[in-house]
Amino acid sequence: MRTALILVAEDSPTVRKLVALALRAQGFRVVQAQDGMDAIEKLAHHDVDLIITDLNMPNMDGYSLIQAIREDEHLEKVPIIVLSSEAEEEDRRRAFQVGADSYLVKPFNARRIQYEVAKYLN
């Protein structure tokens, strides 16, 4: 059985690294993207099982990334977890409207991310 591959789209190298470490500790493979455009490029080359994305990123924000994923017939069913510093209800509502499956607010802890991922991949 193949180990699940998770794409982490986040413009902060520190946050990307911490999320990747938490996921690898659970045995997942991780591919990292520095923004939405980079994520779109990586998605063209990797068969991912789940996506974790920030909302505020340069070049292409998380809302646009989620929308692009949901419009792609090969990716439309891939679970998407938002990990954002935006804690307002309007941000959460907008993320769900464009197609997010879960919404976590920074700062985060590794267990919370692992729990959310497990809901979709276990």
Protein backbone atom coordinates (compact mmCIF):
# COMPACT_ATOMS: atom_id res chain seq x y z
CA MET A 1 0.00 0.00 0.00
CA ARG A 2 1.30 3.43 -0.97
CA THR A 3 1.96 6.01 1.74
CA ALA A 4 -0.33 9.03 1.42
CA LEU A 5 1.17 12.17 -0.11
CA ILE A 6 0.18 15.56 1.29
CA LEU A 7 0.80 18.92 -0.38
CA VAL A 8 1.48 21.81 2.01
CA ALA A 9 1.03 25.26 0.42
CA GLU A 10 2.36 27.93 2.78
CA ASP A 11 4.50 31.02 2.17
CA SER A 12 6.25 30.84 5.56
CA PRO A 13 9.20 28.43 5.37
CA THR A 14 9.04 27.93 9.15
CA VAL A 15 5.36 26.96 9.15
CA ARG A 16 5.87 24.71 6.10
CA LYS A 17 8.70 22.93 7.91
CA LEU A 18 6.70 22.48 11.14
CA VAL A 19 3.66 21.12 9.31
CA ALA A 20 5.85 18.78 7.25
CA LEU A 21 7.57 17.49 10.40
CA ALA A 22 4.21 16.79 12.07
CA LEU A 23 2.96 14.94 9.00
CA ARG A 24 6.16 12.94 8.47
CA ALA A 25 6.02 11.90 12.15
CA GLN A 26 2.73 10.20 11.26
CA GLY A 27 4.34 8.43 8.30
CA PHE A 28 3.01 10.65 5.50
CA ARG A 29 5.02 11.85 2.53
CA VAL A 30 5.01 15.62 2.03
CA VAL A 31 5.55 17.92 -0.94
CA GLN A 32 5.87 21.61 -0.16
CA ALA A 33 4.77 24.68 -2.15
CA GLN A 34 5.64 28.29 -1.33
CA ASP A 35 2.41 29.79 -2.72
CA GLY A 36 -0.68 28.95 -4.74
CA MET A 37 1.05 29.10 -8.12
CA ASP A 38 3.80 26.78 -6.91
CA ALA A 39 1.09 24.45 -5.55
CA ILE A 40 -0.67 24.31 -8.94
CA GLU A 41 2.65 23.41 -10.58
CA LYS A 42 3.37 20.69 -8.00
CA LEU A 43 -0.15 19.28 -8.34
CA ALA A 44 0.51 18.75 -12.05
CA HIS A 45 3.43 16.46 -11.17
CA HIS A 46 2.28 14.73 -7.97
CA ASP A 47 -0.72 12.54 -7.22
CA VAL A 48 -1.65 13.98 -3.81
CA ASP A 49 -4.11 12.55 -1.32
CA LEU A 50 -4.72 15.72 0.70
CA ILE A 51 -3.86 19.43 0.57
CA ILE A 52 -3.13 21.83 3.42
CA THR A 53 -3.10 25.48 2.40
CA ASP A 54 -2.68 28.91 3.91
CA LEU A 55 -5.03 31.64 2.68
CA ASN A 56 -2.69 34.65 2.56
CA MET A 57 0.05 33.85 0.06
CA PRO A 58 1.69 35.82 -2.75
CA ASN A 59 1.06 35.14 -6.46
CA MET A 60 -2.10 33.09 -5.83
CA ASP A 61 -3.92 33.12 -2.50
CA GLY A 62 -5.46 30.10 -0.85
CA TYR A 63 -9.01 30.96 -1.91
CA SER A 64 -7.98 31.00 -5.58
CA LEU A 65 -5.98 27.81 -5.10
CA ILE A 66 -8.95 26.00 -3.56
CA GLN A 67 -11.23 27.21 -6.34
CA ALA A 68 -8.78 26.03 -9.02
CA ILE A 69 -8.51 22.62 -7.36
CA ARG A 70 -12.29 22.23 -7.15
CA GLU A 71 -12.60 23.08 -10.86
CA ASP A 72 -10.10 20.36 -11.84
CA GLU A 73 -11.85 17.02 -12.45
CA HIS A 74 -8.74 15.10 -11.34
CA LEU A 75 -8.44 17.00 -8.04
CA GLU A 76 -12.00 18.00 -7.16
CA LYS A 77 -12.41 15.24 -4.55
CA VAL A 78 -9.04 15.77 -2.80
CA PRO A 79 -9.64 16.91 0.80
CA ILE A 80 -8.43 20.44 1.54
CA ILE A 81 -7.54 21.70 5.01
CA VAL A 82 -7.07 25.45 5.45
CA LEU A 83 -4.39 26.48 7.96
CA SER A 84 -4.63 30.25 8.36
CA SER A 85 -4.03 33.11 10.77
CA GLU A 86 -7.40 34.50 9.64
CA ALA A 87 -9.75 33.77 12.54
CA GLU A 88 -12.78 35.80 11.43
CA GLU A 89 -16.01 33.97 10.66
CA GLU A 90 -16.17 35.62 7.22
CA ASP A 91 -12.79 34.09 6.26
CA ARG A 92 -13.93 30.68 7.44
CA ARG A 93 -17.25 30.98 5.57
CA ARG A 94 -15.50 32.09 2.36
CA ALA A 95 -13.04 29.18 2.56
CA PHE A 96 -15.88 26.68 2.89
CA GLN A 97 -17.79 28.37 0.05
CA VAL A 98 -14.88 27.87 -2.37
CA GLY A 99 -14.47 24.24 -1.31
CA ALA A 100 -12.38 23.77 1.85
CA ASP A 101 -13.17 20.70 3.94
CA SER A 102 -11.63 21.82 7.27
CA TYR A 103 -10.37 25.09 8.73
CA LEU A 104 -7.63 25.41 11.34
CA VAL A 105 -6.40 28.68 12.83
CA LYS A 106 -2.74 29.47 13.55
CA PRO A 107 -1.00 29.12 15.86
CA PHE A 108 -1.51 25.38 15.59
CA ASN A 109 -0.21 22.33 17.34
CA ALA A 110 1.00 19.18 15.63
CA ARG A 111 -1.66 16.97 17.22
CA ARG A 112 -4.49 19.09 15.84
CA ILE A 113 -3.11 18.88 12.29
CA GLN A 114 -2.52 15.15 12.66
CA TYR A 115 -6.10 14.71 13.90
CA GLU A 116 -7.58 16.67 10.98
CA VAL A 117 -5.49 14.75 8.43
CA ALA A 118 -6.47 11.43 10.02
CA LYS A 119 -10.17 12.28 9.52
CA TYR A 120 -9.60 12.14 5.76
CA LEU A 121 -6.78 9.62 5.31
CA ASN A 122 -7.38 6.91 7.89
